[in-house]
């Protein structure tokens, strides 16, 4: 398997979310991942990812900025919403992997990973 030259981890910073994303990122790339611990501004923070529009990279705190990674790994609801932003901002060049079920369309990410103990309920 060829490892990704650039990788990023996006999450809300909660240990349970971030550690899973970091573990997967470590398996996908020999490079250290860029880590974005994000939150959305009000009112989007109450709506992401199910009901908020895809946020612009500058709407996140801290901002998502270039260079865009080749692969981005997200975990949790904030991670899923941020992956949508990254995918759009990169023009679709960033491949995305979502861990856990954020209850959004499965089309939102390139790949999904859910533990056996969690039913992936994302809509197709």
N, C-alpha and C. Protein backbone atom coordinates (compact mmCIF):
# COMPACT_ATOMS: atom_id res chain seq x y z
N UNK A 1 0.84 -1.18 0.00
CA UNK A 1 0.00 0.00 0.00
C UNK A 1 0.89 1.24 0.00
N UNK A 2 0.55 2.19 -0.86
CA UNK A 2 1.28 3.45 -0.90
C UNK A 2 0.68 4.39 0.15
N UNK A 3 1.55 4.97 0.97
CA UNK A 3 1.09 5.86 2.02
C UNK A 3 0.86 7.26 1.48
N UNK A 4 -0.09 7.95 2.09
CA UNK A 4 -0.43 9.31 1.66
C UNK A 4 0.68 10.28 2.04
N UNK A 5 1.05 11.19 1.13
CA UNK A 5 2.10 12.15 1.46
C UNK A 5 1.64 13.23 2.43
N UNK A 6 0.36 13.58 2.43
CA UNK A 6 -0.12 14.60 3.38
C UNK A 6 -1.46 14.15 3.94
N UNK A 7 -1.62 14.36 5.23
CA UNK A 7 -2.83 13.90 5.90
C UNK A 7 -3.19 14.88 7.00
N UNK A 8 -4.48 14.99 7.27
CA UNK A 8 -4.96 15.88 8.33
C UNK A 8 -6.00 15.13 9.15
N UNK A 9 -6.12 15.53 10.41
CA UNK A 9 -7.13 15.01 11.32
C UNK A 9 -8.01 16.18 11.73
N UNK A 10 -9.32 16.01 11.61
CA UNK A 10 -10.26 17.05 12.03
C UNK A 10 -11.22 16.48 13.05
N UNK A 11 -11.38 17.20 14.16
CA UNK A 11 -12.29 16.76 15.21
C UNK A 11 -12.63 17.94 16.09
N UNK A 12 -13.45 17.67 17.09
CA UNK A 12 -13.79 18.69 18.07
C UNK A 12 -12.77 18.72 19.21
N UNK A 13 -11.76 17.88 19.15
CA UNK A 13 -10.72 17.83 20.18
C UNK A 13 -11.03 16.87 21.31
N UNK A 14 -12.23 16.29 21.33
CA UNK A 14 -12.56 15.31 22.37
C UNK A 14 -11.64 14.10 22.19
N UNK A 15 -11.07 13.62 23.28
CA UNK A 15 -10.09 12.54 23.22
C UNK A 15 -10.62 11.31 22.49
N UNK A 16 -11.86 10.93 22.76
CA UNK A 16 -12.43 9.74 22.13
C UNK A 16 -12.53 9.86 20.63
N UNK A 17 -12.77 11.06 20.13
CA UNK A 17 -12.84 11.29 18.69
C UNK A 17 -11.45 11.43 18.09
N UNK A 18 -10.64 12.27 18.70
CA UNK A 18 -9.34 12.59 18.12
C UNK A 18 -8.40 11.38 18.10
N UNK A 19 -8.40 10.58 19.15
CA UNK A 19 -7.49 9.43 19.19
C UNK A 19 -7.80 8.42 18.10
N UNK A 20 -9.08 8.19 17.82
CA UNK A 20 -9.43 7.27 16.74
C UNK A 20 -8.96 7.80 15.38
N UNK A 21 -9.15 9.09 15.17
CA UNK A 21 -8.72 9.69 13.91
C UNK A 21 -7.20 9.67 13.78
N UNK A 22 -6.49 9.95 14.87
CA UNK A 22 -5.02 9.92 14.85
C UNK A 22 -4.50 8.52 14.56
N UNK A 23 -5.13 7.51 15.14
CA UNK A 23 -4.70 6.13 14.91
C UNK A 23 -4.84 5.76 13.44
N UNK A 24 -5.96 6.11 12.84
CA UNK A 24 -6.16 5.81 11.42
C UNK A 24 -5.20 6.62 10.55
N UNK A 25 -5.01 7.88 10.89
CA UNK A 25 -4.07 8.72 10.13
C UNK A 25 -2.66 8.14 10.18
N UNK A 26 -2.27 7.61 11.33
CA UNK A 26 -0.95 6.99 11.46
C UNK A 26 -0.78 5.77 10.58
N UNK A 27 -1.88 5.06 10.34
CA UNK A 27 -1.82 3.88 9.47
C UNK A 27 -1.82 4.25 7.99
N UNK A 28 -2.32 5.44 7.66
CA UNK A 28 -2.45 5.85 6.27
C UNK A 28 -1.29 6.68 5.75
N UNK A 29 -0.46 7.21 6.65
CA UNK A 29 0.63 8.09 6.22
C UNK A 29 1.82 7.95 7.15
N UNK A 30 3.00 8.07 6.59
CA UNK A 30 4.22 8.06 7.42
C UNK A 30 4.53 9.46 7.93
N UNK A 31 3.82 10.47 7.43
CA UNK A 31 4.00 11.85 7.87
C UNK A 31 3.15 12.12 9.11
N UNK A 32 3.60 13.08 9.92
CA UNK A 32 2.77 13.51 11.04
C UNK A 32 1.54 14.23 10.50
N UNK A 33 0.38 13.95 11.05
CA UNK A 33 -0.83 14.61 10.53
C UNK A 33 -0.93 16.06 10.99
N UNK A 34 -1.53 16.85 10.16
CA UNK A 34 -1.92 18.20 10.56
C UNK A 34 -3.20 18.03 11.37
N UNK A 35 -3.27 18.64 12.53
CA UNK A 35 -4.42 18.46 13.41
C UNK A 35 -5.20 19.76 13.52
N UNK A 36 -6.49 19.66 13.18
CA UNK A 36 -7.40 20.79 13.34
C UNK A 36 -8.40 20.41 14.43
N UNK A 37 -8.38 21.12 15.54
CA UNK A 37 -9.38 20.98 16.60
C UNK A 37 -10.35 22.14 16.41
N UNK A 38 -11.53 21.80 15.94
CA UNK A 38 -12.43 22.83 15.41
C UNK A 38 -13.69 23.02 16.22
N UNK A 39 -14.26 24.18 16.04
CA UNK A 39 -15.63 24.45 16.45
C UNK A 39 -16.21 25.43 15.45
N UNK A 40 -17.50 25.35 15.30
CA UNK A 40 -18.20 26.24 14.37
C UNK A 40 -18.73 27.44 15.15
N UNK A 41 -18.85 28.55 14.45
CA UNK A 41 -19.43 29.75 15.06
C UNK A 41 -20.93 29.60 15.19
N UNK A 42 -21.50 30.35 16.13
CA UNK A 42 -22.95 30.39 16.31
C UNK A 42 -23.60 31.01 15.09
N UNK A 43 -24.67 30.58 14.55
CA UNK A 43 -25.58 29.54 15.01
C UNK A 43 -25.24 28.16 14.47
N UNK A 44 -24.20 28.07 13.63
CA UNK A 44 -23.88 26.80 12.99
C UNK A 44 -23.44 25.73 13.98
N UNK A 45 -22.87 26.14 15.11
CA UNK A 45 -22.42 25.17 16.10
C UNK A 45 -23.58 24.30 16.60
N UNK A 46 -24.78 24.84 16.61
CA UNK A 46 -25.94 24.08 17.05
C UNK A 46 -26.53 23.23 15.93
N UNK A 47 -26.11 23.47 14.71
CA UNK A 47 -26.74 22.83 13.56
C UNK A 47 -25.89 21.79 12.85
N UNK A 48 -24.56 21.84 12.99
CA UNK A 48 -23.70 20.94 12.22
C UNK A 48 -23.80 19.52 12.74
N UNK A 49 -23.67 18.54 11.88
CA UNK A 49 -23.61 18.64 10.44
C UNK A 49 -24.96 18.45 9.77
N UNK A 50 -25.97 18.01 10.53
CA UNK A 50 -27.22 17.61 9.89
C UNK A 50 -27.96 18.76 9.22
N UNK A 51 -27.98 19.93 9.84
CA UNK A 51 -28.86 20.99 9.35
C UNK A 51 -28.13 22.23 8.85
N UNK A 52 -26.84 22.29 9.04
CA UNK A 52 -26.09 23.48 8.61
C UNK A 52 -25.67 23.33 7.15
N UNK A 53 -25.50 24.44 6.46
CA UNK A 53 -24.94 24.36 5.11
C UNK A 53 -23.46 23.98 5.24
N UNK A 54 -22.85 23.62 4.13
CA UNK A 54 -21.41 23.36 4.15
C UNK A 54 -20.73 24.70 4.43
N UNK A 55 -20.01 24.76 5.52
CA UNK A 55 -19.40 26.01 5.95
C UNK A 55 -18.15 26.32 5.14
N UNK A 56 -17.91 27.58 4.91
CA UNK A 56 -16.67 28.02 4.26
C UNK A 56 -15.50 27.75 5.20
N UNK A 57 -14.30 27.51 4.66
CA UNK A 57 -13.15 27.25 5.52
C UNK A 57 -12.91 28.33 6.57
N UNK A 58 -13.23 29.58 6.24
CA UNK A 58 -13.03 30.67 7.18
C UNK A 58 -14.09 30.76 8.27
N UNK A 59 -15.16 29.97 8.16
CA UNK A 59 -16.22 29.99 9.17
C UNK A 59 -15.89 29.14 10.39
N UNK A 60 -14.84 28.32 10.26
CA UNK A 60 -14.43 27.47 11.37
C UNK A 60 -13.48 28.22 12.29
N UNK A 61 -13.45 27.82 13.56
CA UNK A 61 -12.48 28.37 14.51
C UNK A 61 -11.62 27.22 15.00
N UNK A 62 -10.31 27.19 14.74
CA UNK A 62 -9.59 28.09 13.85
C UNK A 62 -9.95 27.82 12.39
N UNK A 63 -9.57 28.73 11.50
CA UNK A 63 -9.89 28.59 10.08
C UNK A 63 -9.20 27.38 9.48
N UNK A 64 -9.86 26.75 8.53
CA UNK A 64 -9.22 25.73 7.70
C UNK A 64 -8.49 26.49 6.60
N UNK A 65 -7.22 26.16 6.39
CA UNK A 65 -6.48 26.89 5.37
C UNK A 65 -5.56 25.96 4.59
N UNK A 66 -5.17 26.44 3.42
CA UNK A 66 -4.29 25.68 2.54
C UNK A 66 -2.91 25.54 3.17
N UNK A 67 -2.14 24.58 2.73
CA UNK A 67 -2.38 23.61 1.66
C UNK A 67 -3.36 22.52 2.12
N UNK A 68 -4.23 22.13 1.19
CA UNK A 68 -5.20 21.10 1.51
C UNK A 68 -4.51 19.74 1.53
N UNK A 69 -4.84 18.89 2.48
CA UNK A 69 -4.20 17.57 2.55
C UNK A 69 -4.72 16.63 1.46
N UNK A 70 -3.96 15.60 1.18
CA UNK A 70 -4.41 14.59 0.23
C UNK A 70 -5.54 13.76 0.85
N UNK A 71 -5.40 13.47 2.15
CA UNK A 71 -6.43 12.71 2.88
C UNK A 71 -6.74 13.45 4.17
N UNK A 72 -8.01 13.50 4.53
CA UNK A 72 -8.43 14.07 5.81
C UNK A 72 -9.28 13.03 6.54
N UNK A 73 -9.00 12.84 7.81
CA UNK A 73 -9.72 11.88 8.64
C UNK A 73 -10.51 12.67 9.68
N UNK A 74 -11.81 12.44 9.73
CA UNK A 74 -12.66 13.12 10.70
C UNK A 74 -13.36 12.13 11.60
N UNK A 75 -13.70 12.59 12.79
CA UNK A 75 -14.42 11.75 13.73
C UNK A 75 -15.44 12.61 14.46
N UNK A 76 -16.65 12.11 14.55
CA UNK A 76 -17.71 12.84 15.24
C UNK A 76 -18.42 13.81 14.32
N UNK A 77 -19.41 14.52 14.89
CA UNK A 77 -20.23 15.44 14.09
C UNK A 77 -19.45 16.62 13.55
N UNK A 78 -18.60 17.21 14.39
CA UNK A 78 -17.79 18.35 13.93
C UNK A 78 -16.82 17.89 12.85
N UNK A 79 -16.22 16.73 13.04
CA UNK A 79 -15.32 16.19 12.03
C UNK A 79 -16.01 15.99 10.70
N UNK A 80 -17.23 15.47 10.73
CA UNK A 80 -17.98 15.24 9.49
C UNK A 80 -18.28 16.54 8.77
N UNK A 81 -18.70 17.55 9.53
CA UNK A 81 -19.00 18.84 8.91
C UNK A 81 -17.74 19.48 8.34
N UNK A 82 -16.63 19.37 9.05
CA UNK A 82 -15.37 19.94 8.56
C UNK A 82 -14.87 19.20 7.32
N UNK A 83 -15.10 17.89 7.25
CA UNK A 83 -14.71 17.15 6.05
C UNK A 83 -15.46 17.66 4.82
N UNK A 84 -16.73 17.99 5.00
CA UNK A 84 -17.49 18.56 3.89
C UNK A 84 -16.87 19.88 3.42
N UNK A 85 -16.47 20.71 4.37
CA UNK A 85 -15.82 21.99 4.04
C UNK A 85 -14.51 21.76 3.30
N UNK A 86 -13.69 20.83 3.80
CA UNK A 86 -12.39 20.54 3.17
C UNK A 86 -12.57 20.01 1.75
N UNK A 87 -13.51 19.09 1.62
CA UNK A 87 -13.74 18.49 0.30
C UNK A 87 -14.15 19.56 -0.72
N UNK A 88 -15.05 20.46 -0.32
CA UNK A 88 -15.49 21.50 -1.23
C UNK A 88 -14.36 22.50 -1.50
N UNK A 89 -13.64 22.93 -0.46
CA UNK A 89 -12.59 23.93 -0.63
C UNK A 89 -11.44 23.41 -1.50
N UNK A 90 -11.17 22.11 -1.44
CA UNK A 90 -10.08 21.54 -2.22
C UNK A 90 -10.52 21.19 -3.64
N UNK A 91 -11.75 21.47 -3.97
CA UNK A 91 -12.25 21.11 -5.30
C UNK A 91 -12.39 19.61 -5.47
N UNK A 92 -12.58 18.90 -4.37
CA UNK A 92 -12.73 17.44 -4.41
C UNK A 92 -11.43 16.68 -4.40
N UNK A 93 -10.30 17.36 -4.35
CA UNK A 93 -9.01 16.67 -4.38
C UNK A 93 -8.67 15.99 -3.05
N UNK A 94 -9.17 16.51 -1.94
CA UNK A 94 -8.93 15.88 -0.64
C UNK A 94 -9.88 14.71 -0.48
N UNK A 95 -9.31 13.53 -0.30
CA UNK A 95 -10.13 12.35 -0.02
C UNK A 95 -10.43 12.34 1.47
N UNK A 96 -11.64 11.95 1.83
CA UNK A 96 -12.05 12.05 3.22
C UNK A 96 -12.48 10.70 3.78
N UNK A 97 -12.19 10.50 5.05
CA UNK A 97 -12.58 9.29 5.76
C UNK A 97 -13.28 9.72 7.04
N UNK A 98 -14.49 9.26 7.25
CA UNK A 98 -15.27 9.59 8.44
C UNK A 98 -15.31 8.37 9.35
N UNK A 99 -14.96 8.58 10.62
CA UNK A 99 -15.06 7.52 11.62
C UNK A 99 -16.29 7.82 12.47
N UNK A 100 -17.04 6.81 12.79
CA UNK A 100 -18.29 6.88 13.55
C UNK A 100 -19.40 7.44 12.67
N UNK A 101 -20.58 7.44 13.17
CA UNK A 101 -21.76 7.81 12.40
C UNK A 101 -22.25 9.19 12.81
N UNK A 102 -22.04 10.22 11.98
CA UNK A 102 -22.52 11.55 12.33
C UNK A 102 -23.96 11.80 11.90
N UNK A 103 -24.60 10.79 11.32
CA UNK A 103 -25.99 10.88 10.88
C UNK A 103 -26.19 11.89 9.76
N UNK A 104 -25.30 11.86 8.80
CA UNK A 104 -25.45 12.65 7.58
C UNK A 104 -25.35 11.69 6.41
N UNK A 105 -25.54 12.18 5.22
CA UNK A 105 -25.47 11.35 4.03
C UNK A 105 -24.10 10.68 3.92
N UNK A 106 -24.09 9.41 3.59
CA UNK A 106 -22.82 8.70 3.41
C UNK A 106 -22.05 9.22 2.20
N UNK A 107 -22.73 9.93 1.32
CA UNK A 107 -22.05 10.52 0.17
C UNK A 107 -21.13 11.66 0.58
N UNK A 108 -21.25 12.11 1.83
CA UNK A 108 -20.45 13.24 2.31
C UNK A 108 -18.98 12.90 2.40
N UNK A 109 -18.63 11.64 2.61
CA UNK A 109 -17.23 11.24 2.74
C UNK A 109 -16.87 10.21 1.70
N UNK A 110 -15.58 10.16 1.38
CA UNK A 110 -15.09 9.17 0.43
C UNK A 110 -15.23 7.77 1.02
N UNK A 111 -14.89 7.61 2.29
CA UNK A 111 -14.96 6.33 3.00
C UNK A 111 -15.52 6.54 4.39
N UNK A 112 -16.13 5.47 4.92
CA UNK A 112 -16.68 5.48 6.27
C UNK A 112 -16.09 4.33 7.05
N UNK A 113 -15.96 4.50 8.36
CA UNK A 113 -15.52 3.43 9.24
C UNK A 113 -16.33 3.52 10.52
N UNK A 114 -17.07 2.46 10.80
CA UNK A 114 -17.86 2.40 12.03
C UNK A 114 -17.50 1.13 12.78
N UNK A 115 -17.33 1.22 14.10
CA UNK A 115 -17.07 0.00 14.87
C UNK A 115 -18.28 -0.92 14.81
N UNK A 116 -18.03 -2.19 15.04
CA UNK A 116 -19.14 -3.16 15.01
C UNK A 116 -20.21 -2.85 16.04
N UNK A 117 -19.81 -2.19 17.11
CA UNK A 117 -20.77 -1.88 18.16
C UNK A 117 -21.63 -0.66 17.83
N UNK A 118 -21.32 0.03 16.73
CA UNK A 118 -22.08 1.20 16.31
C UNK A 118 -22.72 0.96 14.96
N UNK A 119 -24.00 1.10 14.89
CA UNK A 119 -24.69 0.94 13.60
C UNK A 119 -24.52 2.24 12.80
N UNK A 120 -24.00 2.14 11.59
CA UNK A 120 -23.90 3.29 10.72
C UNK A 120 -25.28 3.56 10.13
N UNK A 121 -25.86 4.68 10.51
CA UNK A 121 -27.21 4.99 10.07
C UNK A 121 -27.22 6.07 9.00
N UNK A 122 -26.07 6.49 8.52
CA UNK A 122 -26.02 7.56 7.52
C UNK A 122 -26.91 7.22 6.33
N UNK A 123 -27.57 8.22 5.80
CA UNK A 123 -28.46 8.02 4.67
C UNK A 123 -27.65 7.91 3.39
N UNK A 124 -28.06 7.03 2.50
CA UNK A 124 -27.38 6.88 1.20
C UNK A 124 -27.90 7.85 0.21
